[in-house]
N, C-alpha and C. Protein backbone atom coordinates (compact mmCIF):
# COMPACT_ATOMS: atom_id res chain seq x y z
N MET A 1 92.57 103.34 82.42
CA MET A 1 93.10 102.62 81.84
C MET A 1 94.62 102.04 81.50
N PRO A 2 94.52 100.51 80.95
CA PRO A 2 95.87 100.49 80.21
C PRO A 2 96.37 101.01 79.38
N HIS A 3 98.13 100.61 79.85
CA HIS A 3 98.84 101.11 78.71
C HIS A 3 99.96 100.40 78.49
N TYR A 4 100.59 100.43 77.41
CA TYR A 4 101.57 99.64 77.11
C TYR A 4 102.50 100.10 76.43
N VAL A 5 103.95 99.47 76.39
CA VAL A 5 104.51 100.60 75.70
C VAL A 5 105.80 98.71 75.19
N ILE A 6 106.20 98.99 73.99
CA ILE A 6 106.50 97.95 73.39
C ILE A 6 108.12 98.53 72.84
N LEU A 7 109.02 98.03 73.05
CA LEU A 7 110.46 97.93 72.80
C LEU A 7 110.47 96.76 71.59
N ARG A 8 112.27 97.16 71.03
CA ARG A 8 112.50 96.60 70.26
C ARG A 8 113.99 96.79 70.35
N LYS A 9 114.45 95.72 70.43
CA LYS A 9 116.47 95.72 70.49
C LYS A 9 117.29 96.26 69.30
N THR A 10 118.25 97.20 69.27
CA THR A 10 118.34 98.10 68.59
C THR A 10 119.15 96.88 67.86
N VAL A 11 119.46 97.24 66.14
CA VAL A 11 120.05 96.54 65.62
C VAL A 11 122.13 96.71 65.50
N GLU A 12 122.00 97.31 65.91
CA GLU A 12 123.45 97.64 66.24
C GLU A 12 124.25 97.31 67.56
N ASP A 13 123.23 96.87 68.53
CA ASP A 13 123.60 96.83 70.03
C ASP A 13 122.84 95.95 70.30
N ASP A 14 122.59 94.63 70.90
CA ASP A 14 121.93 93.53 71.15
C ASP A 14 121.05 93.75 72.87
N THR A 15 121.92 94.43 72.94
CA THR A 15 121.62 94.98 74.75
C THR A 15 120.82 96.04 75.04
N ALA A 16 120.56 96.92 73.92
CA ALA A 16 120.17 98.09 74.00
C ALA A 16 118.64 98.14 73.33
N PHE A 17 118.21 98.53 73.61
CA PHE A 17 116.95 98.94 73.33
C PHE A 17 116.05 100.66 72.66
N VAL A 18 114.65 100.24 71.62
CA VAL A 18 114.78 101.58 70.90
C VAL A 18 112.76 101.70 71.27
N LEU A 19 112.35 102.28 71.67
CA LEU A 19 110.48 102.82 71.41
C LEU A 19 110.22 102.44 70.17
N HIS A 20 109.18 100.99 70.15
CA HIS A 20 108.56 100.35 68.84
C HIS A 20 107.40 101.26 68.71
N ARG A 21 106.50 100.95 70.12
CA ARG A 21 105.33 101.65 69.90
C ARG A 21 104.89 101.53 71.16
N HIS A 22 103.77 102.64 71.67
CA HIS A 22 103.15 102.73 72.93
C HIS A 22 101.62 103.70 72.70
N THR A 23 101.23 103.21 73.75
CA THR A 23 99.71 104.00 74.53
C THR A 23 100.14 104.81 75.19
N ILE A 24 101.19 105.64 75.26
CA ILE A 24 101.11 106.28 77.20
C ILE A 24 101.21 107.66 76.42
N PRO A 25 100.37 108.87 76.94
CA PRO A 25 100.25 109.89 76.92
C PRO A 25 100.81 110.74 76.15
N SER A 26 100.39 112.04 75.39
CA SER A 26 101.52 112.11 74.69
C SER A 26 102.60 113.46 76.27
N PHE A 27 101.82 114.15 77.20
CA PHE A 27 102.45 114.60 78.07
C PHE A 27 103.29 114.15 79.16
N ILE A 28 103.46 112.38 78.95
CA ILE A 28 103.98 111.93 79.66
C ILE A 28 106.11 112.09 78.80
N PRO A 29 106.58 112.95 79.28
CA PRO A 29 108.22 112.71 78.56
C PRO A 29 108.45 110.96 78.35
N LEU A 30 107.92 110.25 77.53
CA LEU A 30 108.12 109.34 76.90
C LEU A 30 109.50 109.01 76.29
N GLN A 31 109.78 109.74 75.59
CA GLN A 31 110.88 110.12 74.73
C GLN A 31 112.41 110.29 75.35
N GLU A 32 111.79 111.11 76.56
CA GLU A 32 112.96 111.79 77.32
C GLU A 32 113.35 110.27 77.96
N LEU A 33 112.38 109.51 78.64
CA LEU A 33 113.01 108.40 79.21
C LEU A 33 113.58 107.50 78.01
N CYS A 34 113.40 107.21 77.87
CA CYS A 34 114.09 106.26 76.41
C CYS A 34 115.65 106.67 76.31
N GLU A 35 115.41 108.04 76.00
CA GLU A 35 117.07 108.19 75.77
C GLU A 35 117.59 108.22 76.84
N GLU A 36 117.46 108.32 78.08
CA GLU A 36 118.16 108.46 79.48
C GLU A 36 118.25 106.80 80.09
N HIS A 37 117.24 105.53 79.46
CA HIS A 37 117.51 104.69 80.08
C HIS A 37 117.74 103.49 79.62
N LEU A 38 116.90 103.79 78.29
CA LEU A 38 117.36 102.28 77.31
C LEU A 38 118.79 102.21 76.59
N GLU A 39 119.35 102.96 76.50
CA GLU A 39 120.80 103.19 75.83
C GLU A 39 121.39 101.66 76.63
N LYS A 40 121.24 101.67 78.38
CA LYS A 40 122.10 101.03 79.33
C LYS A 40 121.66 99.68 79.27
N GLY A 41 120.94 99.02 78.50
CA GLY A 41 120.40 97.75 78.44
C GLY A 41 120.30 96.95 79.21
N VAL A 42 119.70 96.07 79.76
CA VAL A 42 119.04 95.52 80.80
C VAL A 42 118.94 96.64 81.91
N SER A 43 119.79 96.81 82.50
CA SER A 43 120.02 97.73 83.75
C SER A 43 119.04 98.39 83.65
N GLY A 44 118.71 99.31 82.50
CA GLY A 44 118.00 100.53 82.21
C GLY A 44 116.68 100.27 82.62
N LEU A 45 116.10 99.40 81.68
CA LEU A 45 114.99 98.34 81.58
C LEU A 45 114.03 98.66 82.95
N GLU A 46 114.95 98.34 84.43
CA GLU A 46 114.07 98.36 85.56
C GLU A 46 113.37 99.99 86.22
N VAL A 47 114.42 101.02 85.88
CA VAL A 47 114.20 102.05 85.91
C VAL A 47 113.59 102.79 85.09
N PHE A 48 113.96 102.26 83.64
CA PHE A 48 112.67 103.01 82.98
C PHE A 48 111.30 102.71 83.26
N ALA A 49 110.93 101.46 83.52
CA ALA A 49 110.00 100.97 83.47
C ALA A 49 109.49 101.56 85.14
N THR A 50 110.12 101.64 86.03
CA THR A 50 109.81 102.27 87.57
C THR A 50 108.89 103.71 87.52
N THR A 51 110.10 104.41 86.38
CA THR A 51 109.75 105.63 86.43
C THR A 51 108.64 106.40 85.54
N LEU A 52 108.47 105.17 84.44
CA LEU A 52 106.79 105.42 83.62
C LEU A 52 106.20 104.78 84.78
N HIS A 53 106.29 104.47 85.22
CA HIS A 53 104.98 103.13 86.06
C HIS A 53 104.65 104.87 86.95
N ARG A 54 105.68 105.24 87.54
CA ARG A 54 105.32 106.28 88.68
C ARG A 54 104.64 107.61 88.15
N TYR A 55 105.03 107.80 86.90
CA TYR A 55 104.03 109.33 86.16
C TYR A 55 102.58 108.65 85.66
N LEU A 56 102.14 106.94 85.43
CA LEU A 56 101.29 107.15 85.32
C LEU A 56 100.19 106.71 86.54
N ILE A 57 101.05 106.39 87.52
CA ILE A 57 100.19 106.24 88.68
C ILE A 57 100.06 107.34 89.01
N LEU A 58 100.64 108.72 89.08
CA LEU A 58 100.50 110.34 89.21
C LEU A 58 99.06 110.59 88.71
N LEU A 59 99.16 110.15 87.72
CA LEU A 59 98.29 110.73 86.30
C LEU A 59 96.78 109.55 86.98
N SER A 60 97.04 108.51 87.16
CA SER A 60 95.93 107.85 88.00
C SER A 60 95.01 108.72 89.25
N ASN A 61 96.06 109.23 90.39
CA ASN A 61 95.54 109.41 91.28
C ASN A 61 95.35 110.32 91.02
N ARG A 62 95.88 111.57 90.14
CA ARG A 62 95.01 113.00 89.65
C ARG A 62 93.89 112.91 89.36
N ALA A 63 93.30 111.67 88.12
CA ALA A 63 92.15 111.54 87.84
C ALA A 63 91.39 110.90 88.77
N ALA A 64 91.65 110.38 90.23
CA ALA A 64 90.33 109.77 91.16
C ALA A 64 90.26 111.37 91.96
N VAL A 65 90.92 111.75 91.80
CA VAL A 65 90.72 113.36 92.36
C VAL A 65 89.53 114.06 91.85
N VAL A 66 89.73 114.07 90.45
CA VAL A 66 88.57 114.57 90.03
C VAL A 66 87.29 114.16 90.55
N SER A 67 87.37 112.89 89.60
CA SER A 67 86.44 111.97 90.05
C SER A 67 85.40 111.90 91.32
N ARG A 68 86.19 112.11 92.25
CA ARG A 68 85.96 112.60 93.60
C ARG A 68 84.93 113.99 94.45
N ILE A 69 85.84 114.79 93.46
CA ILE A 69 85.56 116.01 93.60
C ILE A 69 83.92 116.58 92.56
N ARG A 70 84.03 115.66 91.71
CA ARG A 70 82.74 115.64 90.87
C ARG A 70 81.31 114.93 91.54
N MET A 71 81.74 113.91 92.82
CA MET A 71 81.09 113.93 93.19
C MET A 71 80.24 114.56 94.59
N LEU A 72 80.81 115.74 95.20
CA LEU A 72 80.48 115.93 95.84
C LEU A 72 79.39 117.22 95.61
N LYS A 73 78.41 116.97 96.35
CA LYS A 73 77.52 118.15 96.74
C LYS A 73 77.27 118.94 96.09
N GLY A 74 77.25 120.11 96.10
CA GLY A 74 77.13 121.37 95.65
C GLY A 74 78.11 122.03 93.79
N VAL A 75 78.81 121.06 93.97
CA VAL A 75 79.56 121.14 92.50
C VAL A 75 78.55 120.91 91.54
N GLU A 76 78.59 121.58 90.58
CA GLU A 76 77.79 121.95 89.14
C GLU A 76 78.68 121.22 88.34
N GLU A 77 80.01 121.48 88.04
CA GLU A 77 81.09 121.22 86.80
C GLU A 77 82.20 120.75 87.55
N VAL A 78 83.15 119.92 86.54
CA VAL A 78 84.39 119.81 86.37
C VAL A 78 85.02 119.88 85.67
N ARG A 79 86.08 120.90 85.01
CA ARG A 79 86.54 120.66 84.06
C ARG A 79 88.26 120.74 84.26
N ALA A 80 88.99 119.27 83.17
CA ALA A 80 90.05 119.16 83.51
C ALA A 80 90.89 119.37 81.99
N ASP A 81 92.20 119.51 82.19
CA ASP A 81 92.64 119.08 80.99
C ASP A 81 92.75 117.86 80.93
N GLU A 82 93.99 117.36 79.72
CA GLU A 82 94.57 115.65 79.12
C GLU A 82 95.14 115.25 80.42
N ALA A 83 96.08 116.43 81.20
CA ALA A 83 97.50 115.67 82.18
C ALA A 83 96.55 115.73 83.33
N VAL A 84 95.24 116.33 83.86
CA VAL A 84 94.65 116.25 85.08
C VAL A 84 95.60 117.09 85.61
N ARG A 85 96.17 117.91 85.05
CA ARG A 85 96.48 118.91 86.06
C ARG A 85 95.79 120.64 86.54
N LEU A 86 95.53 120.95 85.73
CA LEU A 86 94.63 121.81 85.91
C LEU A 86 93.13 121.94 86.06
N VAL A 87 92.83 122.05 87.19
CA VAL A 87 91.34 121.79 87.01
C VAL A 87 90.41 122.40 87.84
N GLU A 88 89.27 123.09 86.92
CA GLU A 88 88.39 124.39 87.16
C GLU A 88 86.98 123.14 87.71
N VAL A 89 86.71 123.91 89.61
CA VAL A 89 85.50 123.51 89.93
C VAL A 89 84.72 124.42 89.82
N LEU A 90 83.55 124.45 89.22
CA LEU A 90 82.51 125.53 89.17
C LEU A 90 81.06 125.20 90.35
N ARG A 91 80.68 126.53 90.76
CA ARG A 91 79.75 126.46 91.49
C ARG A 91 78.83 127.54 90.74
N HIS A 92 77.55 127.53 91.42
CA HIS A 92 76.54 128.60 91.20
C HIS A 92 77.29 130.36 91.95
N ALA A 93 78.37 129.92 92.64
CA ALA A 93 78.57 131.25 93.69
C ALA A 93 79.91 131.68 93.01
N ARG A 94 80.66 130.63 92.25
CA ARG A 94 82.88 131.06 92.14
C ARG A 94 82.76 129.81 91.61
N THR A 95 84.11 129.79 90.73
CA THR A 95 85.02 128.85 90.53
C THR A 95 86.24 128.98 90.69
N ALA A 96 86.47 127.31 90.87
CA ALA A 96 87.93 127.60 91.80
C ALA A 96 88.74 127.04 90.78
N LYS A 97 90.43 127.41 90.35
CA LYS A 97 91.09 127.16 89.37
C LYS A 97 92.33 126.26 90.37
N ILE A 98 92.10 124.89 90.42
CA ILE A 98 93.19 124.37 91.19
C ILE A 98 94.32 123.85 90.66
N VAL A 99 95.55 124.47 90.22
CA VAL A 99 96.76 123.08 89.65
C VAL A 99 97.26 121.74 90.83
N LEU A 100 96.84 120.60 90.10
CA LEU A 100 97.05 119.57 90.91
C LEU A 100 98.92 119.37 90.87
N MET A 101 99.75 119.30 91.58
CA MET A 101 101.05 119.19 91.31
C MET A 101 101.67 118.34 91.70
N ASP A 102 102.83 117.11 91.63
CA ASP A 102 103.34 115.83 92.61
C ASP A 102 103.36 116.53 93.99
N ASP A 103 103.99 117.77 94.17
CA ASP A 103 104.19 117.78 94.99
C ASP A 103 103.38 118.87 95.67
N GLY A 104 101.85 119.09 95.59
CA GLY A 104 101.03 119.41 96.28
C GLY A 104 99.98 120.58 95.25
N GLU A 105 99.29 121.46 96.06
CA GLU A 105 98.38 121.92 95.18
C GLU A 105 98.40 124.04 94.90
N ARG A 106 98.04 124.03 93.84
CA ARG A 106 97.98 125.55 93.81
C ARG A 106 96.67 126.04 93.71
N CYS A 107 96.35 127.08 93.76
CA CYS A 107 93.87 127.11 94.15
C CYS A 107 94.38 128.96 93.60
N VAL A 108 93.09 129.64 92.79
CA VAL A 108 92.27 130.57 92.74
C VAL A 108 91.62 130.42 92.65
N VAL A 109 90.36 131.12 93.30
CA VAL A 109 88.93 131.16 93.64
C VAL A 109 88.50 132.74 93.18
N ILE A 110 87.45 132.40 92.31
CA ILE A 110 86.93 133.67 91.93
C ILE A 110 85.38 133.29 92.02
N ASN A 111 84.76 134.65 92.53
CA ASN A 111 83.41 134.77 92.90
C ASN A 111 82.81 135.22 90.73
N HIS A 112 81.90 134.95 90.82
CA HIS A 112 81.00 135.23 89.69
C HIS A 112 80.79 137.08 89.49
N ASP A 113 81.82 137.87 90.15
CA ASP A 113 82.12 139.16 90.29
C ASP A 113 82.83 139.37 89.54
N GLY A 114 84.42 138.52 89.65
CA GLY A 114 85.66 138.64 89.06
C GLY A 114 86.43 138.79 90.39
N LYS A 115 85.31 138.86 91.51
CA LYS A 115 86.78 138.70 92.30
C LYS A 115 87.55 137.92 93.50
N ARG A 116 88.19 137.91 93.49
CA ARG A 116 89.06 136.33 94.31
C ARG A 116 88.79 136.69 95.82
N MET A 117 88.73 135.35 95.99
CA MET A 117 88.28 134.94 97.09
C MET A 117 89.39 134.17 98.24
N LYS A 118 90.24 135.02 98.04
CA LYS A 118 91.29 134.42 99.47
C LYS A 118 91.38 133.60 100.43
N GLU A 119 89.87 133.77 100.96
CA GLU A 119 89.48 133.24 102.42
C GLU A 119 89.22 131.74 102.25
N VAL A 120 88.37 131.33 101.09
CA VAL A 120 88.28 129.98 100.32
C VAL A 120 89.37 129.42 99.90
N GLU A 121 89.98 130.08 99.15
CA GLU A 121 91.62 129.45 98.60
C GLU A 121 92.76 129.54 99.99
N GLN A 122 92.16 129.82 100.79
CA GLN A 122 93.15 129.33 102.36
C GLN A 122 92.70 128.11 103.03
N VAL A 123 91.65 127.69 103.00
CA VAL A 123 90.92 126.74 103.48
C VAL A 123 91.29 125.48 102.18
N ILE A 124 90.95 125.39 100.72
CA ILE A 124 91.32 124.63 100.25
C ILE A 124 92.79 124.37 99.94
N LEU A 125 93.91 125.11 100.34
CA LEU A 125 95.16 125.14 100.32
C LEU A 125 95.98 124.68 101.70
N ASP A 126 95.00 124.87 103.03
CA ASP A 126 95.82 124.30 104.06
C ASP A 126 95.20 122.75 104.42
N LYS A 127 96.58 122.35 104.48
CA LYS A 127 96.09 120.77 104.59
C LYS A 127 96.75 120.27 105.83
N GLU A 128 96.47 121.56 106.80
CA GLU A 128 95.86 121.56 108.45
C GLU A 128 94.13 120.84 108.06
N ALA A 129 93.23 121.63 107.33
CA ALA A 129 92.07 121.72 107.20
C ALA A 129 91.52 120.53 106.98
N GLY A 130 92.14 119.54 106.04
CA GLY A 130 91.84 118.51 105.96
C GLY A 130 92.94 117.41 105.30
N LYS A 131 92.34 116.04 105.48
CA LYS A 131 93.81 115.46 105.02
C LYS A 131 94.10 115.44 103.55
N ASP A 132 92.71 115.63 102.44
CA ASP A 132 93.54 115.72 100.72
C ASP A 132 92.58 117.01 100.52
N ILE A 133 92.79 117.36 99.43
CA ILE A 133 91.93 118.27 98.17
C ILE A 133 90.84 118.19 98.55
N VAL A 134 90.43 116.91 98.09
CA VAL A 134 88.75 116.70 97.82
C VAL A 134 88.36 117.19 99.64
N GLU A 135 88.69 116.90 100.80
CA GLU A 135 87.95 116.70 102.42
C GLU A 135 87.97 118.56 102.02
N ARG A 136 88.84 119.26 101.23
CA ARG A 136 89.28 120.32 102.08
C ARG A 136 87.92 121.32 100.82
N ILE A 137 88.10 120.96 99.92
CA ILE A 137 87.32 121.78 98.92
C ILE A 137 85.77 121.08 99.15
N ALA A 138 85.45 120.44 99.96
CA ALA A 138 83.82 119.97 100.63
C ALA A 138 83.58 120.70 102.29
N LYS A 139 84.87 121.11 102.21
CA LYS A 139 84.21 122.33 104.12
C LYS A 139 83.80 123.86 103.14
N THR A 140 84.24 123.77 101.61
CA THR A 140 83.92 125.62 100.94
C THR A 140 82.85 125.71 100.65
N LEU A 141 82.21 123.95 100.18
CA LEU A 141 80.93 124.09 99.66
C LEU A 141 79.57 124.24 100.95
């Protein structure tokens, strides 16, 4: 999904910028990025844009992971929050709750009797078992 950010120069200092309009999701700390970088003028624009781009790329990557999980055979339903950080993968025998973070994943798998399935969690979290989280989830199906 394309996003835009419109900046305008400040009245007080024509080298500094302020946020005018945007379509950036609310969970991305846009205001903090603006406060940190835009007062620095043109020199802060590149850092602002690069940092914001990184947030958007990470969001896109997480959304792509969820799309790939949805295509796995044996997966009945996949739910994700707006930031695509908390993902629930539902199967007939169990539910996996996965937190997608920038530096890895966290996971809890519970069967329909409410008991935790630590051996399945270990497969999903074992980076040696597969290149990415989708491959590791597929191994548990």
